[in-house]
Amino acid sequence: MTQAIILHVDETGININGEGHWLHCATNASWTHFFPHKNRGNIATDLDGILPAFKGVLCHDHWKPYYCYTNCLHSLCNAHHLRELTRAWEQDKQEWAKQIKALLEEMNRAVHKAGGKLGDEASEQYWQKYRQLLAQAEIECPPPDEKDRQGKRGKLKRSKARNLLERLIEFEEDVLRFMDNEAVPFTNNQGERDIRMTKVHQKISGCFRSMEGAEIFCRIRGYISTCRKQGVSSSVALDLLFNGKWPDFCDELV
């Protein structure tokens, strides 16, 4: 997986013998990998070994520890942005949020119509419009007034709308990477879909009894999910496994 063009990553809370842990997921259209750990951040992902060696495009929902990996490019999930923009418009009455949401949706439609990647001219036009709207948003949703600091140190507290705006400005390349790289999707839905089964497992079973049990579950789920992506049914995959054989697609790993 370290040689992949793109990886989707996500994490979700799990219960192991009554204690909170995290299940990490690294996935794409061909492979699925799960990894349980006590830690949510880089201690876990470093130990797993995939992200430190990955040099493609890492797609995620802006969980900050992912940005510690500077050996790769990053792409942010715009499904999250659309939800946050909707909240900023409906609850905070931020007009700019409504406009940026409409623009992102228009960009996504244009990319699909173009076959996965925009031409240079169309891309540049969208980039300019995106920056113009964000410049206008700075007026409607300004940062906190430094006069209100009252001796406080560090960064003054921002509203949810302001935090979103600053992210869209600071990480503009990661927000819009889907326009210029046909391998990069608009969302991180691949990672969220692959980790959903674990959420279902937690609701039904409640918890894992041990870390060993969680690790076994992750290996089995990752294997079955990968086989399905490679066109091998779950029954065939398990039959091969119980007979000490690997699916044919594993030959390319040797």
Protein backbone atom coordinates (compact mmCIF):
# COMPACT_ATOMS: atom_id res chain seq x y z
CA MET A 1 0.00 0.00 0.00
CA THR A 2 2.94 2.35 0.46
CA GLN A 3 3.35 2.38 -3.35
CA ALA A 4 -0.28 3.38 -4.02
CA ILE A 5 -1.15 6.60 -5.82
CA ILE A 6 -3.78 7.46 -3.24
CA LEU A 7 -4.75 6.30 0.24
CA HIS A 8 -7.84 7.14 2.26
CA VAL A 9 -7.37 7.19 6.02
CA ASP A 10 -9.86 7.37 8.88
CA GLU A 11 -10.17 6.30 12.51
CA THR A 12 -12.99 5.40 14.85
CA GLY A 13 -13.29 4.66 18.54
CA ILE A 14 -13.54 1.04 19.67
CA ASN A 15 -13.95 -0.63 23.06
CA ILE A 16 -11.45 -3.29 24.09
CA ASN A 17 -12.23 -4.98 27.39
CA GLY A 18 -14.01 -1.88 28.69
CA GLU A 19 -11.30 0.61 27.68
CA GLY A 20 -11.33 3.13 24.86
CA HIS A 21 -9.07 2.39 21.87
CA TRP A 22 -8.93 3.41 18.23
CA LEU A 23 -9.25 1.47 15.01
CA HIS A 24 -7.23 2.99 12.16
CA CYS A 25 -8.04 2.39 8.52
CA ALA A 26 -5.86 2.87 5.42
CA THR A 27 -7.62 1.98 2.20
CA ASN A 28 -8.16 2.60 -1.49
CA ALA A 29 -10.11 1.01 -4.33
CA SER A 30 -7.90 -2.11 -4.28
CA TRP A 31 -6.74 -2.67 -0.71
CA THR A 32 -8.01 -2.38 2.87
CA HIS A 33 -5.93 -2.34 6.05
CA PHE A 34 -7.17 -2.05 9.65
CA PHE A 35 -5.04 -1.52 12.76
CA PRO A 36 -6.16 -1.23 16.43
CA HIS A 37 -4.22 0.84 18.93
CA LYS A 38 -4.66 2.64 22.25
CA ASN A 39 -3.57 5.92 20.66
CA ARG A 40 -5.43 7.93 18.03
CA GLY A 41 -2.47 9.93 16.71
CA ASN A 42 0.98 9.44 15.26
CA ILE A 43 2.19 6.97 17.88
CA ALA A 44 -0.25 4.49 16.33
CA THR A 45 0.18 5.39 12.66
CA ASP A 46 3.98 5.45 12.97
CA LEU A 47 3.95 2.00 14.54
CA ASP A 48 1.68 0.69 11.77
CA GLY A 49 4.38 1.70 9.27
CA ILE A 50 2.27 2.54 6.22
CA LEU A 51 1.97 6.32 6.42
CA PRO A 52 5.65 7.04 7.22
CA ALA A 53 6.60 5.32 3.95
CA PHE A 54 3.70 6.56 1.80
CA LYS A 55 4.52 9.08 -0.94
CA GLY A 56 1.26 9.43 -2.85
CA VAL A 57 -1.82 11.50 -1.98
CA LEU A 58 -3.29 11.04 1.49
CA CYS A 59 -7.03 11.75 1.64
CA HIS A 60 -8.52 12.54 5.07
CA ASP A 61 -10.85 14.81 7.03
CA HIS A 62 -8.19 17.21 8.37
CA TRP A 63 -7.27 15.24 11.48
CA LYS A 64 -4.12 17.25 12.22
CA PRO A 65 -1.72 14.35 13.04
CA TYR A 66 -1.99 13.27 9.39
CA TYR A 67 -0.23 16.48 8.42
CA CYS A 68 2.87 15.31 10.28
CA TYR A 69 3.53 13.16 7.20
CA THR A 70 5.31 15.54 4.85
CA ASN A 71 6.56 12.81 2.52
CA CYS A 72 3.19 12.83 0.72
CA LEU A 73 0.60 15.24 -0.65
CA HIS A 74 -2.73 15.72 1.12
CA SER A 75 -6.34 15.95 -0.01
CA LEU A 76 -9.20 17.02 2.25
CA CYS A 77 -12.68 15.50 2.28
CA ASN A 78 -15.10 17.95 0.72
CA ALA A 79 -18.12 16.03 2.00
CA HIS A 80 -17.09 17.29 5.44
CA HIS A 81 -16.69 20.81 4.06
CA LEU A 82 -20.16 20.76 2.50
CA ARG A 83 -21.70 19.73 5.83
CA GLU A 84 -19.80 22.41 7.72
CA LEU A 85 -20.67 25.06 5.12
CA THR A 86 -24.33 24.08 5.35
CA ARG A 87 -24.20 24.51 9.14
CA ALA A 88 -22.45 27.90 8.80
CA TRP A 89 -25.14 29.10 6.39
CA GLU A 90 -28.22 27.68 8.13
CA GLN A 91 -27.23 28.33 11.75
CA ASP A 92 -24.82 31.28 11.56
CA LYS A 93 -26.39 32.94 8.47
CA GLN A 94 -22.98 33.21 6.76
CA GLU A 95 -23.72 34.14 3.14
CA TRP A 96 -20.19 33.29 2.04
CA ALA A 97 -20.66 29.70 3.23
CA LYS A 98 -23.67 29.27 0.94
CA GLN A 99 -21.67 30.61 -2.01
CA ILE A 100 -18.59 28.45 -1.38
CA LYS A 101 -20.78 25.36 -0.99
CA ALA A 102 -22.44 26.06 -4.34
CA LEU A 103 -19.03 26.62 -5.95
CA LEU A 104 -17.55 23.37 -4.63
CA GLU A 105 -20.58 21.45 -5.90
CA GLU A 106 -20.24 23.16 -9.28
CA MET A 107 -16.54 22.25 -9.41
CA ASN A 108 -17.34 18.62 -8.63
CA ARG A 109 -19.91 18.46 -11.44
CA ALA A 110 -17.45 20.06 -13.85
CA VAL A 111 -14.73 17.55 -12.95
CA HIS A 112 -17.11 14.62 -13.56
CA LYS A 113 -18.21 16.12 -16.87
CA ALA A 114 -14.57 16.56 -17.91
CA GLY A 115 -13.80 12.90 -17.17
CA GLY A 116 -11.96 13.32 -13.88
CA LYS A 117 -9.69 16.30 -14.46
CA LEU A 118 -10.23 19.89 -15.56
CA GLY A 119 -8.20 21.61 -18.26
CA ASP A 120 -5.79 24.36 -17.25
CA GLU A 121 -8.06 27.21 -18.34
CA ALA A 122 -11.17 25.92 -16.55
CA SER A 123 -9.16 25.07 -13.45
CA GLU A 124 -7.63 28.55 -13.29
CA GLN A 125 -11.06 30.17 -13.58
CA TYR A 126 -12.36 28.14 -10.66
CA TRP A 127 -9.28 28.89 -8.59
CA GLN A 128 -9.80 32.62 -9.14
CA LYS A 129 -13.49 32.44 -8.24
CA TYR A 130 -12.70 30.38 -5.13
CA ARG A 131 -10.15 32.94 -3.92
CA GLN A 132 -12.45 35.87 -4.70
CA LEU A 133 -15.27 34.37 -2.62
CA LEU A 134 -12.92 33.66 0.27
CA ALA A 135 -11.60 37.23 0.11
CA GLN A 136 -15.18 38.47 0.42
CA ALA A 137 -15.75 36.00 3.24
CA GLU A 138 -12.92 37.63 5.22
CA ILE A 139 -15.04 40.78 5.36
CA GLU A 140 -18.21 38.98 6.43
CA CYS A 141 -16.46 36.67 8.88
CA PRO A 142 -13.37 38.50 10.23
CA PRO A 143 -10.95 37.12 12.83
CA PRO A 144 -11.33 38.12 16.50
CA ASP A 145 -10.32 41.69 17.30
CA GLU A 146 -6.87 41.77 18.92
CA LYS A 147 -8.20 44.53 21.20
CA ASP A 148 -10.28 41.86 22.93
CA ARG A 149 -7.19 39.92 23.96
CA GLN A 150 -7.28 41.33 27.53
CA GLY A 151 -3.92 39.88 28.39
CA LYS A 152 -4.67 36.43 26.98
CA ARG A 153 -1.77 34.66 25.28
CA GLY A 154 -1.84 32.52 22.15
CA LYS A 155 -4.51 32.34 19.47
CA LEU A 156 -7.83 33.97 20.29
CA LYS A 157 -10.87 31.71 20.16
CA ARG A 158 -12.58 31.55 16.76
CA SER A 159 -16.17 30.74 15.86
CA LYS A 160 -16.85 27.49 14.00
CA ALA A 161 -17.47 29.48 10.82
CA ARG A 162 -14.19 31.37 11.19
CA ASN A 163 -12.22 28.17 11.82
CA LEU A 164 -13.73 26.67 8.66
CA LEU A 165 -12.91 29.78 6.64
CA GLU A 166 -9.29 29.79 7.80
CA ARG A 167 -8.97 26.10 6.87
CA LEU A 168 -10.37 26.69 3.38
CA ILE A 169 -7.86 29.51 2.90
CA GLU A 170 -4.77 27.92 4.46
CA PHE A 171 -5.27 24.50 2.88
CA GLU A 172 -6.69 25.61 -0.47
CA GLU A 173 -4.47 23.26 -2.49
CA ASP A 174 -5.63 20.26 -0.45
CA VAL A 175 -9.27 21.34 -0.73
CA LEU A 176 -9.12 21.70 -4.52
CA ARG A 177 -6.64 18.95 -5.42
CA PHE A 178 -9.51 16.91 -6.89
CA MET A 179 -9.76 19.41 -9.76
CA ASP A 180 -6.26 18.89 -11.11
CA ASN A 181 -5.44 15.28 -10.19
CA GLU A 182 -7.76 12.67 -11.69
CA ALA A 183 -6.73 10.11 -9.05
CA VAL A 184 -8.06 12.32 -6.25
CA PRO A 185 -11.80 12.12 -5.47
CA PHE A 186 -14.01 14.89 -4.12
CA THR A 187 -14.51 13.11 -0.79
CA ASN A 188 -12.96 10.63 1.64
CA ASN A 189 -15.99 8.34 1.28
CA GLN A 190 -13.81 5.32 0.47
CA GLY A 191 -12.22 5.41 3.91
CA GLU A 192 -15.52 6.05 5.68
CA ARG A 193 -17.25 3.20 3.84
CA ASP A 194 -14.53 0.70 4.70
CA ILE A 195 -14.51 1.57 8.38
CA ARG A 196 -18.32 1.50 8.69
CA MET A 197 -18.48 -2.27 9.30
CA THR A 198 -16.47 -1.79 12.48
CA LYS A 199 -19.00 0.78 13.69
CA VAL A 200 -21.75 -1.77 13.05
CA HIS A 201 -19.75 -4.44 14.92
CA GLN A 202 -19.41 -2.13 17.94
CA LYS A 203 -23.15 -1.43 18.04
CA ILE A 204 -24.01 -5.14 17.89
CA SER A 205 -21.23 -6.80 19.90
CA GLY A 206 -20.39 -3.89 22.17
CA CYS A 207 -16.66 -4.46 22.49
CA PHE A 208 -13.65 -6.67 21.87
CA ARG A 209 -12.58 -8.88 24.78
CA SER A 210 -8.85 -8.41 24.15
CA MET A 211 -6.34 -6.60 21.96
CA GLU A 212 -5.49 -9.95 20.36
CA GLY A 213 -9.14 -10.41 19.42
CA ALA A 214 -9.26 -6.92 17.91
CA GLU A 215 -6.12 -7.60 15.88
CA ILE A 216 -7.54 -10.89 14.57
CA PHE A 217 -10.79 -9.14 13.64
CA CYS A 218 -8.81 -6.44 11.77
CA ARG A 219 -6.79 -8.99 9.81
CA ILE A 220 -9.91 -10.93 8.79
CA ARG A 221 -11.92 -7.83 7.88
CA GLY A 222 -9.02 -6.35 5.93
CA TYR A 223 -8.49 -9.61 4.05
CA ILE A 224 -12.17 -10.06 3.13
CA SER A 225 -12.59 -6.41 2.14
CA THR A 226 -9.48 -6.53 -0.04
CA CYS A 227 -10.64 -9.75 -1.70
CA ARG A 228 -13.99 -8.22 -2.57
CA LYS A 229 -12.26 -5.24 -4.14
CA GLN A 230 -10.16 -7.66 -6.18
CA GLY A 231 -13.22 -9.56 -7.42
CA VAL A 232 -12.95 -12.53 -5.03
CA SER A 233 -16.10 -13.37 -3.05
CA SER A 234 -15.99 -13.76 0.72
CA SER A 235 -16.79 -17.49 0.54
CA VAL A 236 -14.00 -18.16 -1.98
CA ALA A 237 -11.58 -16.01 0.02
CA LEU A 238 -12.25 -17.92 3.24
CA ASP A 239 -12.14 -21.31 1.47
CA LEU A 240 -8.69 -20.44 0.08
CA LEU A 241 -7.53 -19.23 3.49
CA PHE A 242 -8.67 -22.39 5.32
CA ASN A 243 -6.85 -24.48 2.72
CA GLY A 244 -3.60 -22.57 3.15
CA LYS A 245 -3.78 -20.79 -0.19
CA TRP A 246 -3.73 -17.17 -1.32
CA PRO A 247 -5.95 -15.55 -3.98
CA ASP A 248 -4.24 -15.12 -7.34
CA PHE A 249 -3.93 -11.33 -6.97
CA CYS A 250 -1.50 -11.86 -4.09
CA ASP A 251 1.07 -13.19 -6.59
CA GLU A 252 1.87 -9.61 -7.58
CA LEU A 253 3.09 -8.97 -4.04
CA VAL A 254 5.72 -11.67 -4.22
